[in-house]
Amino acid sequence: MTDAAAPAPAPRTTRPVPAGRNYRLLTAASIITALGTHGALIAAAFAVLQSGGDAGDVGLVAAAKTVPLVLFLLIGGAMADRIPRHRVMVAANTLNCVSQALFALLVLAGDPKLWQMMLLTALCGTGQAFFGPAAEGMLMSSVSGEQASRAFALFRMSTQGAAIGGAALGGAMIAAMDPGWVLAVDAAAFAVAGALRAFLDVSHIPAREPGGGLLADLRDGWQEFTGRPWLWAIVAQFSVVVAAVGAAEAVYGPLVARDSLGGARPWGFALAAFGVGNLAGALLMMRWKPRRLLLAGTLCVFPLALPSAGLAVPLSAYWLCLVMFVTGTAIEVFGVSWMTAMHQEIPEDKLSRVSAYDWFGSVAMVPVATALAGPVESLVGRSQALWGCAGLVVLVTGAVLFVPDVRNLTRRSETVEVAATPLVPPTSAEAEGAVGRLG
């Protein structure tokens, strides 16, 4: 005899996350900037080469962007936890728009000087230093525990889809016209994105209590950061991983493309294949919720060694695109898992500061790596340098698995997360995601 009073099981919804106003604005703005930025990354390298620069010059321009990023990240994180985050984001977008517009004019006018390109790239990095922590704090304070993992995946899927088009379009445009036009498109993208972000609603974020200062805020963020072994261990890991990948893809990649693949177009397609892999990884993470968040994510960092190895061979354009696709899929698993762990474990009022320490540690070695990429190539050869990049990724990723918290940190049940983290008003159904640190 059946129990007539037994409740019927709730139907499984196919709609992944509700699309609130902030979600729509942030997604649209991120799609627009992804379209411009991924083309501009290629354009900057080829603008240096077109002006007569070599591998060392490409590395110096890349380093010029990351030096101010490292210098100002912690200040940017403290400011984003102190004043409305959307104002920081808009100001940063404005600076990026101006710097990229001037860079475009410089390249289009002909004969740009190395110091000029380094200065304008440094201004762009300064804007990113203030934008990044504010954007991550805005993201995570707008996502409920029940929605977090799938919301991150959906947002990343949207922006990575734009990155695919941006990288492919940027490579095609550079092959057909001056790289300066791609930089001009990036400047316009920052202008539009900044205008959209000005309309973000921050009323759901509690006002900060008065008192303390910048140093006190930084000290609080440092204590939160160092008190979590899984956090500082993975950030230390990524300080090496990001530096190795940055040197391989920002400096050696364009050179291999020029010498062995046929120029900017195939390199643009390879970067686009990475974006397609990100898209596939985000689709996977829309459904898969690994219980051991950081163990699953860290295992998926090992494939980041593959692009450096592929460039060292070097593989043909077809096989390089396949390698980049696999890598993009794997790193997206890490990206969603990492953002979910941060959202689950870090208090809302410290999100931007902890994110700043995360970013700071992750990019601190990039200026050194990109600046030394040219001299290292001259000393040991390009292929050996690329094999070294691949080996470093494998070595430090294996080492971080010895940290117990990395292996054992588990996903909380959705009901616990929602009860412990009431980050949005009851009437709001908003969700956002994040741009991955390598995407």
Protein backbone atom coordinates (compact mmCIF):
# COMPACT_ATOMS: atom_id res chain seq x y z
CA MET A 1 0.00 0.00 0.00
CA THR A 2 1.47 3.34 -1.02
CA ASP A 3 1.48 6.40 1.20
CA ALA A 4 -0.74 8.98 -0.52
CA ALA A 5 0.63 11.72 1.69
CA ALA A 6 4.23 11.19 0.60
CA PRO A 7 5.50 14.27 -1.24
CA ALA A 8 6.43 13.90 -4.87
CA PRO A 9 10.10 14.48 -5.66
CA ALA A 10 10.85 18.00 -6.79
CA PRO A 11 11.46 18.24 -10.53
CA ARG A 12 15.05 18.96 -11.50
CA THR A 13 15.29 22.37 -13.07
CA THR A 14 17.23 22.72 -16.26
CA ARG A 15 17.85 26.42 -15.74
CA PRO A 16 21.25 26.62 -14.02
CA VAL A 17 21.11 29.97 -12.25
CA PRO A 18 18.71 32.89 -12.07
CA ALA A 19 19.77 35.88 -14.14
CA GLY A 20 19.54 38.97 -11.92
CA ARG A 21 20.34 42.52 -12.97
CA ASN A 22 23.89 42.50 -11.63
CA TYR A 23 24.50 39.14 -13.27
CA ARG A 24 23.39 40.43 -16.68
CA LEU A 25 25.44 43.63 -16.42
CA LEU A 26 28.62 41.90 -15.26
CA THR A 27 28.31 39.13 -17.81
CA ALA A 28 27.77 41.59 -20.66
CA ALA A 29 30.70 43.76 -19.53
CA SER A 30 33.02 40.78 -19.17
CA ILE A 31 32.08 39.43 -22.60
CA ILE A 32 32.88 42.80 -24.17
CA THR A 33 36.27 43.14 -22.45
CA ALA A 34 37.15 39.51 -23.24
CA LEU A 35 36.56 40.19 -26.94
CA GLY A 36 38.96 43.11 -26.87
CA THR A 37 41.61 41.95 -24.42
CA HIS A 38 42.37 38.55 -25.96
CA GLY A 39 43.06 40.15 -29.32
CA ALA A 40 45.11 42.91 -27.69
CA LEU A 41 47.40 40.38 -25.99
CA ILE A 42 48.48 39.16 -29.42
CA ALA A 43 48.55 42.67 -30.87
CA ALA A 44 50.94 44.00 -28.21
CA ALA A 45 53.51 41.26 -28.87
CA PHE A 46 53.35 41.69 -32.63
CA ALA A 47 53.49 45.49 -32.32
CA VAL A 48 56.84 45.07 -30.55
CA LEU A 49 58.11 42.64 -33.20
CA GLN A 50 56.83 44.88 -36.02
CA SER A 51 58.79 47.82 -34.59
CA GLY A 52 62.00 45.78 -34.80
CA GLY A 53 62.00 44.32 -31.30
CA ASP A 54 63.21 40.85 -30.36
CA ALA A 55 62.29 38.27 -27.71
CA GLY A 56 63.86 40.36 -24.96
CA ASP A 57 61.79 43.40 -25.96
CA VAL A 58 58.58 41.36 -26.01
CA GLY A 59 59.44 40.15 -22.53
CA LEU A 60 60.13 43.68 -21.26
CA VAL A 61 56.77 44.95 -22.50
CA ALA A 62 55.02 41.98 -20.90
CA ALA A 63 56.91 42.61 -17.66
CA ALA A 64 55.95 46.30 -17.74
CA LYS A 65 52.31 45.29 -17.35
CA THR A 66 52.86 42.93 -14.45
CA VAL A 67 55.21 45.11 -12.36
CA PRO A 68 52.53 47.69 -11.43
CA LEU A 69 50.05 44.84 -11.13
CA VAL A 70 52.24 43.39 -8.38
CA LEU A 71 52.95 46.76 -6.76
CA PHE A 72 49.36 47.97 -6.49
CA LEU A 73 47.34 44.77 -6.03
CA LEU A 74 47.29 44.83 -2.24
CA ILE A 75 46.30 48.51 -2.15
CA GLY A 76 43.60 47.77 -4.71
CA GLY A 77 42.24 44.94 -2.57
CA ALA A 78 42.10 47.09 0.55
CA MET A 79 40.35 49.91 -1.32
CA ALA A 80 37.78 47.55 -2.82
CA ASP A 81 36.78 46.34 0.68
CA ARG A 82 36.55 49.95 1.88
CA ILE A 83 34.65 51.83 -0.87
CA PRO A 84 31.93 50.65 -3.28
CA ARG A 85 33.54 48.03 -5.50
CA HIS A 86 31.79 49.09 -8.69
CA ARG A 87 33.39 52.54 -8.46
CA VAL A 88 36.84 50.98 -8.31
CA MET A 89 35.97 48.82 -11.32
CA VAL A 90 34.75 51.78 -13.39
CA ALA A 91 37.82 53.89 -12.55
CA ALA A 92 40.10 51.00 -13.52
CA ASN A 93 38.26 50.48 -16.81
CA THR A 94 38.65 54.18 -17.58
CA LEU A 95 42.41 54.01 -17.06
CA ASN A 96 42.62 50.89 -19.25
CA CYS A 97 40.61 52.61 -21.98
CA VAL A 98 42.88 55.65 -22.04
CA SER A 99 46.13 53.65 -21.95
CA GLN A 100 45.07 51.28 -24.74
CA ALA A 101 43.80 54.16 -26.89
CA LEU A 102 47.15 55.92 -26.59
CA PHE A 103 48.97 52.65 -27.33
CA ALA A 104 46.85 52.22 -30.46
CA LEU A 105 47.59 55.77 -31.65
CA LEU A 106 51.29 55.25 -31.03
CA VAL A 107 51.41 52.04 -33.08
CA LEU A 108 49.24 53.41 -35.90
CA ALA A 109 51.40 56.54 -36.13
CA GLY A 110 54.42 54.32 -36.78
CA ASP A 111 57.83 53.81 -35.15
CA PRO A 112 56.76 53.36 -31.50
CA LYS A 113 59.61 53.43 -28.99
CA LEU A 114 60.12 50.56 -26.57
CA TRP A 115 59.89 52.83 -23.50
CA GLN A 116 56.61 54.29 -24.76
CA MET A 117 55.06 50.87 -25.19
CA MET A 118 56.32 49.82 -21.75
CA LEU A 119 54.87 52.94 -20.10
CA LEU A 120 51.41 52.52 -21.64
CA THR A 121 51.39 48.82 -20.86
CA ALA A 122 52.31 49.66 -17.27
CA LEU A 123 49.27 51.97 -17.03
CA CYS A 124 47.11 49.08 -18.22
CA GLY A 125 48.60 46.85 -15.53
CA THR A 126 47.89 49.50 -12.89
CA GLY A 127 44.22 49.50 -13.87
CA GLN A 128 44.12 45.72 -13.64
CA ALA A 129 45.65 45.84 -10.14
CA PHE A 130 42.66 47.81 -8.85
CA PHE A 131 40.06 46.08 -11.02
CA GLY A 132 40.87 42.44 -10.20
CA PRO A 133 40.25 42.34 -6.43
CA ALA A 134 37.18 44.57 -6.75
CA ALA A 135 35.72 42.34 -9.47
CA GLU A 136 36.28 39.14 -7.50
CA GLY A 137 34.81 40.67 -4.36
CA MET A 138 31.79 41.90 -6.32
CA LEU A 139 31.36 38.49 -7.85
CA MET A 140 31.51 36.43 -4.70
CA SER A 141 29.35 38.79 -2.61
CA SER A 142 26.59 38.46 -5.22
CA VAL A 143 26.37 34.67 -5.35
CA SER A 144 24.37 32.57 -2.92
CA GLY A 145 25.85 29.32 -1.61
CA GLU A 146 23.29 27.21 -3.44
CA GLN A 147 24.11 28.83 -6.77
CA ALA A 148 27.84 29.41 -6.45
CA SER A 149 29.53 26.59 -8.36
CA ARG A 150 27.14 26.55 -11.30
CA ALA A 151 27.02 30.35 -11.42
CA PHE A 152 30.81 30.55 -11.66
CA ALA A 153 30.80 27.98 -14.44
CA LEU A 154 28.06 29.76 -16.41
CA PHE A 155 29.77 33.13 -16.17
CA ARG A 156 33.13 31.70 -17.17
CA MET A 157 31.50 29.85 -20.06
CA SER A 158 30.08 33.13 -21.36
CA THR A 159 33.32 35.08 -21.10
CA GLN A 160 35.45 32.27 -22.49
CA GLY A 161 33.13 32.03 -25.47
CA ALA A 162 33.91 35.70 -26.09
CA ALA A 163 37.62 35.01 -25.61
CA ILE A 164 37.49 32.45 -28.41
CA GLY A 165 36.18 35.05 -30.82
CA GLY A 166 38.53 37.72 -29.51
CA ALA A 167 41.69 35.67 -29.94
CA ALA A 168 40.72 34.39 -33.40
CA LEU A 169 39.56 37.82 -34.55
CA GLY A 170 42.68 39.48 -33.15
CA GLY A 171 44.98 37.08 -34.98
CA ALA A 172 43.05 37.54 -38.23
CA MET A 173 43.04 41.34 -37.90
CA ILE A 174 46.78 41.46 -37.25
CA ALA A 175 47.38 39.30 -40.32
CA ALA A 176 45.29 41.70 -42.43
CA MET A 177 46.08 45.12 -40.92
CA ASP A 178 48.13 47.01 -38.37
CA PRO A 179 48.13 45.69 -34.76
CA GLY A 180 47.18 49.20 -33.66
CA TRP A 181 43.62 48.66 -34.83
CA VAL A 182 43.26 45.69 -32.50
CA LEU A 183 44.48 47.85 -29.61
CA ALA A 184 41.92 50.51 -30.59
CA VAL A 185 39.15 47.91 -30.43
CA ASP A 186 40.33 46.95 -26.94
CA ALA A 187 40.17 50.59 -25.81
CA ALA A 188 36.59 50.87 -27.07
CA ALA A 189 35.68 47.63 -25.29
CA PHE A 190 36.93 49.01 -21.96
CA ALA A 191 34.85 52.17 -22.47
CA VAL A 192 31.64 50.23 -23.06
CA ALA A 193 32.31 47.77 -20.21
CA GLY A 194 33.02 50.59 -17.77
CA ALA A 195 29.74 52.26 -18.66
CA LEU A 196 27.84 49.03 -17.96
CA ARG A 197 29.59 48.44 -14.63
CA ALA A 198 28.60 51.93 -13.46
CA PHE A 199 25.02 50.64 -13.11
CA LEU A 200 25.86 47.75 -10.76
CA ASP A 201 23.78 47.57 -7.57
CA VAL A 202 25.87 47.32 -4.37
CA SER A 203 23.03 47.85 -1.89
CA HIS A 204 23.21 44.19 -0.79
CA ILE A 205 26.79 44.62 0.47
CA PRO A 206 26.86 45.70 4.16
CA ALA A 207 28.57 49.04 4.84
CA ARG A 208 32.03 48.77 6.40
CA GLU A 209 32.36 49.87 10.00
CA PRO A 210 34.47 53.04 10.42
CA GLY A 211 37.88 52.73 11.99
CA GLY A 212 41.26 51.31 11.12
CA GLY A 213 43.30 52.30 8.13
CA LEU A 214 44.94 50.88 5.04
CA LEU A 215 47.67 49.10 6.99
CA ALA A 216 45.14 47.61 9.39
CA ASP A 217 43.08 46.35 6.44
CA LEU A 218 46.14 44.80 4.84
CA ARG A 219 47.10 43.15 8.15
CA ASP A 220 43.62 41.66 8.55
CA GLY A 221 43.76 40.31 5.00
CA TRP A 222 47.22 38.84 5.61
CA GLN A 223 46.05 37.04 8.76
CA GLU A 224 43.08 35.61 6.86
CA PHE A 225 45.41 34.51 4.05
CA THR A 226 48.17 32.92 6.13
CA GLY A 227 45.73 31.17 8.46
CA ARG A 228 44.59 28.82 5.69
CA PRO A 229 47.30 26.38 4.49
CA TRP A 230 45.32 25.37 1.38
CA LEU A 231 45.15 29.03 0.35
CA TRP A 232 48.77 30.06 0.68
CA ALA A 233 50.05 26.72 -0.63
CA ILE A 234 48.13 26.95 -3.89
CA VAL A 235 48.99 30.63 -4.30
CA ALA A 236 52.68 29.72 -3.86
CA GLN A 237 52.22 26.98 -6.46
CA PHE A 238 50.67 29.40 -8.92
CA SER A 239 53.42 31.96 -8.41
CA VAL A 240 55.61 29.49 -10.31
CA VAL A 241 52.95 28.08 -12.64
CA VAL A 242 51.74 31.48 -13.85
CA ALA A 243 55.31 32.71 -14.31
CA ALA A 244 56.26 29.66 -16.38
CA VAL A 245 53.10 29.75 -18.48
CA GLY A 246 53.37 33.53 -18.87
CA ALA A 247 56.91 33.31 -20.21
CA ALA A 248 55.97 30.48 -22.58
CA GLU A 249 52.82 32.06 -23.99
CA ALA A 250 53.58 35.80 -23.83
CA VAL A 251 57.17 35.65 -25.07
CA TYR A 252 58.04 32.32 -26.70
CA GLY A 253 54.61 31.60 -28.20
CA PRO A 254 54.56 34.55 -30.64
CA LEU A 255 58.17 33.80 -31.62
CA VAL A 256 57.44 30.13 -32.33
CA ALA A 257 54.37 31.22 -34.28
CA ARG A 258 56.43 33.63 -36.36
CA ASP A 259 59.28 31.20 -37.03
CA SER A 260 57.50 27.82 -37.30
CA LEU A 261 53.72 28.21 -37.58
CA GLY A 262 53.28 30.94 -40.16
CA GLY A 263 52.61 34.08 -38.12
CA ALA A 264 49.92 35.60 -35.94
CA ARG A 265 46.88 33.82 -37.38
CA PRO A 266 47.72 30.23 -36.24
CA TRP A 267 48.83 31.53 -32.83
CA GLY A 268 45.49 33.33 -32.54
CA PHE A 269 43.70 30.09 -33.37
CA ALA A 270 45.77 28.24 -30.75
CA LEU A 271 44.73 30.75 -28.10
CA ALA A 272 41.17 30.45 -29.33
CA ALA A 273 41.39 26.66 -28.92
CA PHE A 274 42.36 27.26 -25.30
CA GLY A 275 39.19 29.31 -25.00
CA VAL A 276 37.14 26.52 -26.57
CA GLY A 277 38.62 24.20 -23.95
CA ASN A 278 37.60 26.66 -21.23
CA LEU A 279 34.09 26.56 -22.66
CA ALA A 280 34.06 22.76 -22.54
CA GLY A 281 35.40 22.78 -18.98
CA ALA A 282 32.73 25.24 -17.88
CA LEU A 283 30.04 23.04 -19.41
CA LEU A 284 31.48 20.10 -17.48
CA MET A 285 31.46 22.07 -14.22
CA MET A 286 27.84 23.07 -14.74
CA ARG A 287 27.01 19.46 -13.82
CA TRP A 288 30.02 18.03 -11.99
CA LYS A 289 30.52 19.05 -8.37
CA PRO A 290 33.63 17.25 -7.09
CA ARG A 291 33.43 16.67 -3.35
CA ARG A 292 37.13 17.32 -2.80
CA LEU A 293 37.27 20.69 -4.50
CA LEU A 294 40.98 21.43 -4.40
CA LEU A 295 42.18 17.90 -5.03
CA ALA A 296 40.18 17.72 -8.26
CA GLY A 297 41.27 21.22 -9.24
CA THR A 298 44.96 20.69 -8.53
CA LEU A 299 45.11 17.45 -10.52
CA CYS A 300 43.80 19.47 -13.46
CA VAL A 301 46.74 21.90 -13.26
CA PHE A 302 49.22 19.29 -14.53
CA PRO A 303 48.05 19.73 -18.17
CA LEU A 304 49.26 23.34 -18.07
CA ALA A 305 52.68 21.89 -18.85
CA LEU A 306 51.46 20.69 -22.25
CA PRO A 307 51.48 24.00 -24.21
CA SER A 308 55.10 24.70 -23.26
CA ALA A 309 56.06 21.18 -24.30
CA GLY A 310 54.10 21.53 -27.54
CA LEU A 311 55.88 24.79 -28.38
CA ALA A 312 59.24 23.20 -27.55
CA VAL A 313 58.85 20.42 -30.13
CA PRO A 314 57.32 22.48 -31.92
CA LEU A 315 54.03 20.84 -32.83
CA SER A 316 52.16 21.73 -35.97
CA ALA A 317 49.38 24.31 -35.67
CA TYR A 318 46.73 21.55 -35.64
CA TRP A 319 48.29 19.58 -32.78
CA LEU A 320 49.10 22.75 -30.85
CA CYS A 321 45.43 23.74 -31.04
CA LEU A 322 44.47 20.30 -29.72
CA VAL A 323 46.91 20.62 -26.83
CA MET A 324 45.57 24.08 -26.00
CA PHE A 325 42.01 22.72 -26.04
CA VAL A 326 42.85 19.98 -23.53
CA THR A 327 44.68 22.47 -21.32
CA GLY A 328 41.80 24.94 -21.40
CA THR A 329 39.32 22.23 -20.39
CA ALA A 330 41.46 21.09 -17.46
CA ILE A 331 42.24 24.52 -16.06
CA GLU A 332 38.58 25.46 -16.07
CA VAL A 333 37.94 22.63 -13.59
CA PHE A 334 40.54 24.23 -11.33
CA GLY A 335 39.12 27.72 -11.87
CA VAL A 336 35.55 26.85 -10.86
CA SER A 337 36.74 24.69 -7.94
CA TRP A 338 39.01 27.46 -6.68
CA MET A 339 36.33 30.15 -6.84
CA THR A 340 33.87 27.85 -5.06
CA ALA A 341 36.39 27.18 -2.28
CA MET A 342 37.09 30.90 -1.87
CA HIS A 343 33.38 31.71 -1.77
CA GLN A 344 32.76 28.95 0.74
CA GLU A 345 35.64 29.68 3.13
CA ILE A 346 36.39 33.45 3.06
CA PRO A 347 34.21 36.02 4.94
CA GLU A 348 32.45 38.53 2.66
CA ASP A 349 34.05 41.63 4.22
CA LYS A 350 37.55 40.27 3.49
CA LEU A 351 36.95 38.91 -0.02
CA SER A 352 38.73 41.64 -1.97
CA ARG A 353 41.74 41.73 0.36
CA VAL A 354 42.19 37.97 0.30
CA SER A 355 41.71 38.00 -3.47
CA ALA A 356 44.42 40.66 -3.68
CA TYR A 357 46.88 38.45 -1.78
CA ASP A 358 45.86 35.59 -4.08
CA TRP A 359 46.51 37.67 -7.20
CA PHE A 360 49.69 39.16 -5.74
CA GLY A 361 51.23 35.79 -5.02
CA SER A 362 50.12 34.38 -8.34
CA VAL A 363 51.62 37.15 -10.49
CA ALA A 364 54.60 38.22 -8.36
CA MET A 365 57.08 36.16 -10.39
CA VAL A 366 55.66 37.03 -13.82
CA PRO A 367 57.70 40.24 -14.35
CA VAL A 368 60.90 38.35 -13.55
CA ALA A 369 59.97 35.40 -15.78
CA THR A 370 58.96 37.49 -18.79
CA ALA A 371 61.96 39.82 -18.45
CA LEU A 372 64.35 36.86 -18.23
CA ALA A 373 62.71 34.88 -21.02
CA GLY A 374 64.83 36.51 -23.73
CA PRO A 375 68.19 36.12 -21.93
CA VAL A 376 67.36 32.52 -20.99
CA GLU A 377 66.57 31.77 -24.63
CA SER A 378 69.94 33.19 -25.65
CA LEU A 379 71.70 31.14 -22.96
CA VAL A 380 70.13 27.69 -23.36
CA GLY A 381 67.99 27.90 -26.51
CA ARG A 382 64.27 28.36 -26.98
CA SER A 383 63.35 24.68 -26.93
CA GLN A 384 65.25 24.00 -23.70
CA ALA A 385 63.68 27.06 -22.06
CA LEU A 386 60.21 25.81 -22.98
CA TRP A 387 60.93 22.34 -21.62
CA GLY A 388 62.05 24.03 -18.42
CA CYS A 389 58.71 25.86 -18.18
CA ALA A 390 56.86 22.56 -18.57
CA GLY A 391 59.00 20.87 -15.93
CA LEU A 392 58.40 23.63 -13.38
CA VAL A 393 54.63 23.30 -13.76
CA VAL A 394 54.76 19.56 -13.09
CA LEU A 395 57.18 19.92 -10.16
CA VAL A 396 55.30 22.52 -8.11
CA THR A 397 51.88 21.00 -8.83
CA GLY A 398 53.07 17.65 -7.54
CA ALA A 399 54.54 19.34 -4.45
CA VAL A 400 51.29 21.09 -3.43
CA LEU A 401 49.49 17.74 -3.26
CA PHE A 402 51.52 16.99 -0.12
CA VAL A 403 49.52 19.68 1.76
CA PRO A 404 46.73 17.84 3.65
CA ASP A 405 44.20 20.67 3.36
CA VAL A 406 44.60 20.69 -0.42
CA ARG A 407 43.75 17.00 -0.56
CA ASN A 408 40.99 17.07 2.04
CA LEU A 409 39.02 20.35 1.74
CA THR A 410 35.47 19.27 0.91
CA ARG A 411 32.45 20.95 -0.56
CA ARG A 412 29.82 21.81 2.01
CA SER A 413 26.24 20.74 1.49
CA GLU A 414 24.16 23.37 -0.27
CA THR A 415 21.81 23.75 2.67
CA VAL A 416 24.69 24.52 5.02
CA GLU A 417 26.19 26.99 2.57
CA VAL A 418 22.95 28.91 2.15
CA ALA A 419 22.32 29.06 5.91
CA ALA A 420 25.87 30.20 6.63
CA THR A 421 26.18 32.71 3.79
CA PRO A 422 23.07 34.85 3.27
CA LEU A 423 24.82 37.17 0.84
CA VAL A 424 21.83 38.47 -1.12
CA PRO A 425 18.47 39.92 -0.04
CA PRO A 426 15.54 37.46 -0.01
CA THR A 427 13.98 39.20 -3.01
CA SER A 428 17.14 39.08 -5.10
CA ALA A 429 18.03 36.15 -7.34
CA GLU A 430 21.40 37.17 -8.73
CA ALA A 431 24.44 35.12 -9.55
CA GLU A 432 27.81 35.94 -11.02
CA GLY A 433 30.97 34.15 -11.97
CA ALA A 434 34.63 34.95 -12.27
CA VAL A 435 37.31 35.38 -14.86
CA GLY A 436 39.87 32.68 -14.23
CA ARG A 437 43.26 33.80 -13.23
CA LEU A 438 44.85 32.25 -16.34
CA GLY A 439 41.97 32.91 -18.73
